[in-house]
Amino acid sequence: MTAALAAREGGVEPLILERDSICAGSTALSSGMVPACGTRQQLIHEIDDSVDIMSADIQNKARHQANPALVQTVCEASGPLIDWLSQTYDIEFTLVEGFLYPGHSRLRMHAPPSRSVLI
């Protein structure tokens, strides 16, 4: 869905196909939570996080078997993505307080207030 939104902004009319009866994706499996670093929500809560810290957390959890370039790219895009969805599409994300995702050293899970996927 995020790729479709970006394509639409770029002037492409995307076609979205969904095999399931409800369009929810993998975010539905995580109660709508998305990990991201360097977001406005983290700044508001004075969370010291960065691409390097998030990348290291992911690599440590994956026992350094993840592709470093891919992990770096995902981490770099994570914060701007959450902020873009919030500002451009008025999707409200809150920083999930009191919950460190397993293997992560910083609060960086962002979710809608309902803690469910938005459909």
C-alpha atoms as a PDB file:
ATOM      1  CA  MET A   1       0.000   0.000   0.000  1.00  0.00           C
ATOM      2  CA  THR A   2       2.839   2.361   0.807  1.00  0.00           C
ATOM      3  CA  ALA A   3       4.412   1.700  -2.575  1.00  0.00           C
ATOM      4  CA  ALA A   4       1.052   2.370  -4.235  1.00  0.00           C
ATOM      5  CA  LEU A   5       0.756   5.708  -2.429  1.00  0.00           C
ATOM      6  CA  ALA A   6       4.257   6.693  -3.517  1.00  0.00           C
ATOM      7  CA  ALA A   7       3.556   5.607  -7.099  1.00  0.00           C
ATOM      8  CA  ARG A   8       0.357   7.653  -7.133  1.00  0.00           C
ATOM      9  CA  GLU A   9       2.278  10.711  -5.964  1.00  0.00           C
ATOM     10  CA  GLY A  10       4.683  10.072  -8.824  1.00  0.00           C
ATOM     11  CA  GLY A  11       1.856  10.187 -11.349  1.00  0.00           C
ATOM     12  CA  VAL A  12       1.374   6.439 -11.767  1.00  0.00           C
ATOM     13  CA  GLU A  13      -2.083   4.925 -11.345  1.00  0.00           C
ATOM     14  CA  PRO A  14      -1.303   1.734  -9.385  1.00  0.00           C
ATOM     15  CA  LEU A  15      -3.291  -1.474  -9.489  1.00  0.00           C
ATOM     16  CA  ILE A  16      -3.447  -3.290  -6.162  1.00  0.00           C
ATOM     17  CA  LEU A  17      -4.286  -6.973  -6.094  1.00  0.00           C
ATOM     18  CA  GLU A  18      -5.014  -8.770  -2.824  1.00  0.00           C
ATOM     19  CA  ARG A  19      -5.401 -12.526  -2.460  1.00  0.00           C
ATOM     20  CA  ASP A  20      -7.155 -12.324   0.924  1.00  0.00           C
ATOM     21  CA  SER A  21     -10.697 -11.105   1.511  1.00  0.00           C
ATOM     22  CA  ILE A  22      -9.391  -8.243   3.696  1.00  0.00           C
ATOM     23  CA  CYS A  23      -6.456  -6.100   2.654  1.00  0.00           C
ATOM     24  CA  ALA A  24      -4.337  -6.108   5.807  1.00  0.00           C
ATOM     25  CA  GLY A  25      -0.803  -7.296   4.999  1.00  0.00           C
ATOM     26  CA  SER A  26       1.911  -8.190   7.458  1.00  0.00           C
ATOM     27  CA  THR A  27       1.243  -5.105   9.580  1.00  0.00           C
ATOM     28  CA  ALA A  28      -1.984  -6.759  10.744  1.00  0.00           C
ATOM     29  CA  LEU A  29       0.105  -9.531  12.311  1.00  0.00           C
ATOM     30  CA  SER A  30       1.905  -6.955  14.464  1.00  0.00           C
ATOM     31  CA  SER A  31      -1.181  -5.053  15.710  1.00  0.00           C
ATOM     32  CA  GLY A  32      -0.391  -2.234  13.293  1.00  0.00           C
ATOM     33  CA  MET A  33       3.043  -1.619  14.848  1.00  0.00           C
ATOM     34  CA  VAL A  34       5.918  -0.461  12.650  1.00  0.00           C
ATOM     35  CA  PRO A  35       9.522  -0.058  13.864  1.00  0.00           C
ATOM     36  CA  ALA A  36      11.190   3.188  12.841  1.00  0.00           C
ATOM     37  CA  CYS A  37      14.047   5.401  14.000  1.00  0.00           C
ATOM     38  CA  GLY A  38      14.469   9.160  13.931  1.00  0.00           C
ATOM     39  CA  THR A  39      10.763   9.961  13.849  1.00  0.00           C
ATOM     40  CA  ARG A  40       8.995  13.049  15.156  1.00  0.00           C
ATOM     41  CA  GLN A  41       7.389  10.849  17.815  1.00  0.00           C
ATOM     42  CA  GLN A  42      10.804   9.733  19.062  1.00  0.00           C
ATOM     43  CA  LEU A  43      11.991  13.348  19.143  1.00  0.00           C
ATOM     44  CA  ILE A  44       8.938  14.383  21.176  1.00  0.00           C
ATOM     45  CA  HIS A  45       9.690  11.597  23.668  1.00  0.00           C
ATOM     46  CA  GLU A  46      13.426  12.410  23.626  1.00  0.00           C
ATOM     47  CA  ILE A  47      14.354   8.911  22.451  1.00  0.00           C
ATOM     48  CA  ASP A  48      18.004   8.779  21.397  1.00  0.00           C
ATOM     49  CA  ASP A  49      17.902   6.571  18.303  1.00  0.00           C
ATOM     50  CA  SER A  50      19.540   6.509  14.906  1.00  0.00           C
ATOM     51  CA  VAL A  51      19.903   4.482  11.743  1.00  0.00           C
ATOM     52  CA  ASP A  52      23.168   3.058  13.079  1.00  0.00           C
ATOM     53  CA  ILE A  53      21.615   1.976  16.401  1.00  0.00           C
ATOM     54  CA  MET A  54      18.576   0.413  14.721  1.00  0.00           C
ATOM     55  CA  SER A  55      20.779  -1.338  12.146  1.00  0.00           C
ATOM     56  CA  ALA A  56      22.991  -2.748  14.904  1.00  0.00           C
ATOM     57  CA  ASP A  57      19.935  -4.001  16.813  1.00  0.00           C
ATOM     58  CA  ILE A  58      18.604  -5.766  13.728  1.00  0.00           C
ATOM     59  CA  GLN A  59      21.978  -7.272  12.879  1.00  0.00           C
ATOM     60  CA  ASN A  60      22.485  -8.483  16.453  1.00  0.00           C
ATOM     61  CA  LYS A  61      19.030 -10.070  16.523  1.00  0.00           C
ATOM     62  CA  ALA A  62      19.696 -11.720  13.143  1.00  0.00           C
ATOM     63  CA  ARG A  63      23.100 -12.955  14.335  1.00  0.00           C
ATOM     64  CA  HIS A  64      24.707 -10.800  11.628  1.00  0.00           C
ATOM     65  CA  GLN A  65      23.173 -12.915   8.860  1.00  0.00           C
ATOM     66  CA  ALA A  66      21.072 -10.129   7.339  1.00  0.00           C
ATOM     67  CA  ASN A  67      22.271  -8.274   4.264  1.00  0.00           C
ATOM     68  CA  PRO A  68      23.958  -5.141   5.725  1.00  0.00           C
ATOM     69  CA  ALA A  69      23.059  -2.913   2.771  1.00  0.00           C
ATOM     70  CA  LEU A  70      19.404  -3.950   2.903  1.00  0.00           C
ATOM     71  CA  VAL A  71      19.200  -3.428   6.674  1.00  0.00           C
ATOM     72  CA  GLN A  72      20.821   0.006   6.307  1.00  0.00           C
ATOM     73  CA  THR A  73      18.407   1.004   3.541  1.00  0.00           C
ATOM     74  CA  VAL A  74      15.332  -0.104   5.491  1.00  0.00           C
ATOM     75  CA  CYS A  75      16.494   1.690   8.629  1.00  0.00           C
ATOM     76  CA  GLU A  76      17.265   4.890   6.688  1.00  0.00           C
ATOM     77  CA  ALA A  77      13.771   4.887   5.169  1.00  0.00           C
ATOM     78  CA  SER A  78      11.873   3.919   8.340  1.00  0.00           C
ATOM     79  CA  GLY A  79      11.660   7.307  10.078  1.00  0.00           C
ATOM     80  CA  PRO A  80      10.901   9.383   6.997  1.00  0.00           C
ATOM     81  CA  LEU A  81       8.240   6.815   6.015  1.00  0.00           C
ATOM     82  CA  ILE A  82       6.347   7.115   9.311  1.00  0.00           C
ATOM     83  CA  ASP A  83       6.558  10.914   9.192  1.00  0.00           C
ATOM     84  CA  TRP A  84       5.429  10.989   5.525  1.00  0.00           C
ATOM     85  CA  LEU A  85       2.394   8.784   6.238  1.00  0.00           C
ATOM     86  CA  SER A  86       1.513  10.952   9.236  1.00  0.00           C
ATOM     87  CA  GLN A  87       1.885  14.306   7.515  1.00  0.00           C
ATOM     88  CA  THR A  88       0.698  13.492   4.014  1.00  0.00           C
ATOM     89  CA  TYR A  89      -2.092  11.008   4.712  1.00  0.00           C
ATOM     90  CA  ASP A  90      -3.077  12.112   8.218  1.00  0.00           C
ATOM     91  CA  ILE A  91      -2.392   8.679   9.689  1.00  0.00           C
ATOM     92  CA  GLU A  92      -1.943   9.046  13.415  1.00  0.00           C
ATOM     93  CA  PHE A  93       0.970   7.099  14.848  1.00  0.00           C
ATOM     94  CA  THR A  94       1.911   7.017  18.492  1.00  0.00           C
ATOM     95  CA  LEU A  95       5.156   5.773  19.940  1.00  0.00           C
ATOM     96  CA  VAL A  96       4.409   2.568  21.822  1.00  0.00           C
ATOM     97  CA  GLU A  97       5.723   3.260  25.293  1.00  0.00           C
ATOM     98  CA  GLY A  98       6.811   0.577  27.730  1.00  0.00           C
ATOM     99  CA  PHE A  99       7.439  -2.009  25.019  1.00  0.00           C
ATOM    100  CA  LEU A 100      10.864  -2.805  23.629  1.00  0.00           C
ATOM    101  CA  TYR A 101      10.529  -5.040  20.619  1.00  0.00           C
ATOM    102  CA  PRO A 102      12.600  -8.184  21.268  1.00  0.00           C
ATOM    103  CA  GLY A 103      16.214  -7.507  20.332  1.00  0.00           C
ATOM    104  CA  HIS A 104      15.793  -3.746  20.090  1.00  0.00           C
ATOM    105  CA  SER A 105      17.488  -1.332  22.470  1.00  0.00           C
ATOM    106  CA  ARG A 106      15.237   1.701  21.901  1.00  0.00           C
ATOM    107  CA  LEU A 107      11.533   2.478  21.901  1.00  0.00           C
ATOM    108  CA  ARG A 108      10.787   2.604  18.180  1.00  0.00           C
ATOM    109  CA  MET A 109       7.510   0.814  17.612  1.00  0.00           C
ATOM    110  CA  HIS A 110       4.932   3.163  16.103  1.00  0.00           C
ATOM    111  CA  ALA A 111       1.259   2.263  15.892  1.00  0.00           C
ATOM    112  CA  PRO A 112      -2.149   3.828  15.515  1.00  0.00           C
ATOM    113  CA  PRO A 113      -3.747   4.616  18.891  1.00  0.00           C
ATOM    114  CA  SER A 114      -6.116   1.658  18.465  1.00  0.00           C
ATOM    115  CA  ARG A 115      -3.101  -0.702  18.100  1.00  0.00           C
ATOM    116  CA  SER A 116      -4.743  -2.272  15.086  1.00  0.00           C
ATOM    117  CA  VAL A 117      -4.172  -2.089  11.380  1.00  0.00           C
ATOM    118  CA  LEU A 118      -6.059   0.661   9.582  1.00  0.00           C
ATOM    119  CA  ILE A 119      -8.490  -0.751   7.015  1.00  0.00           C
END
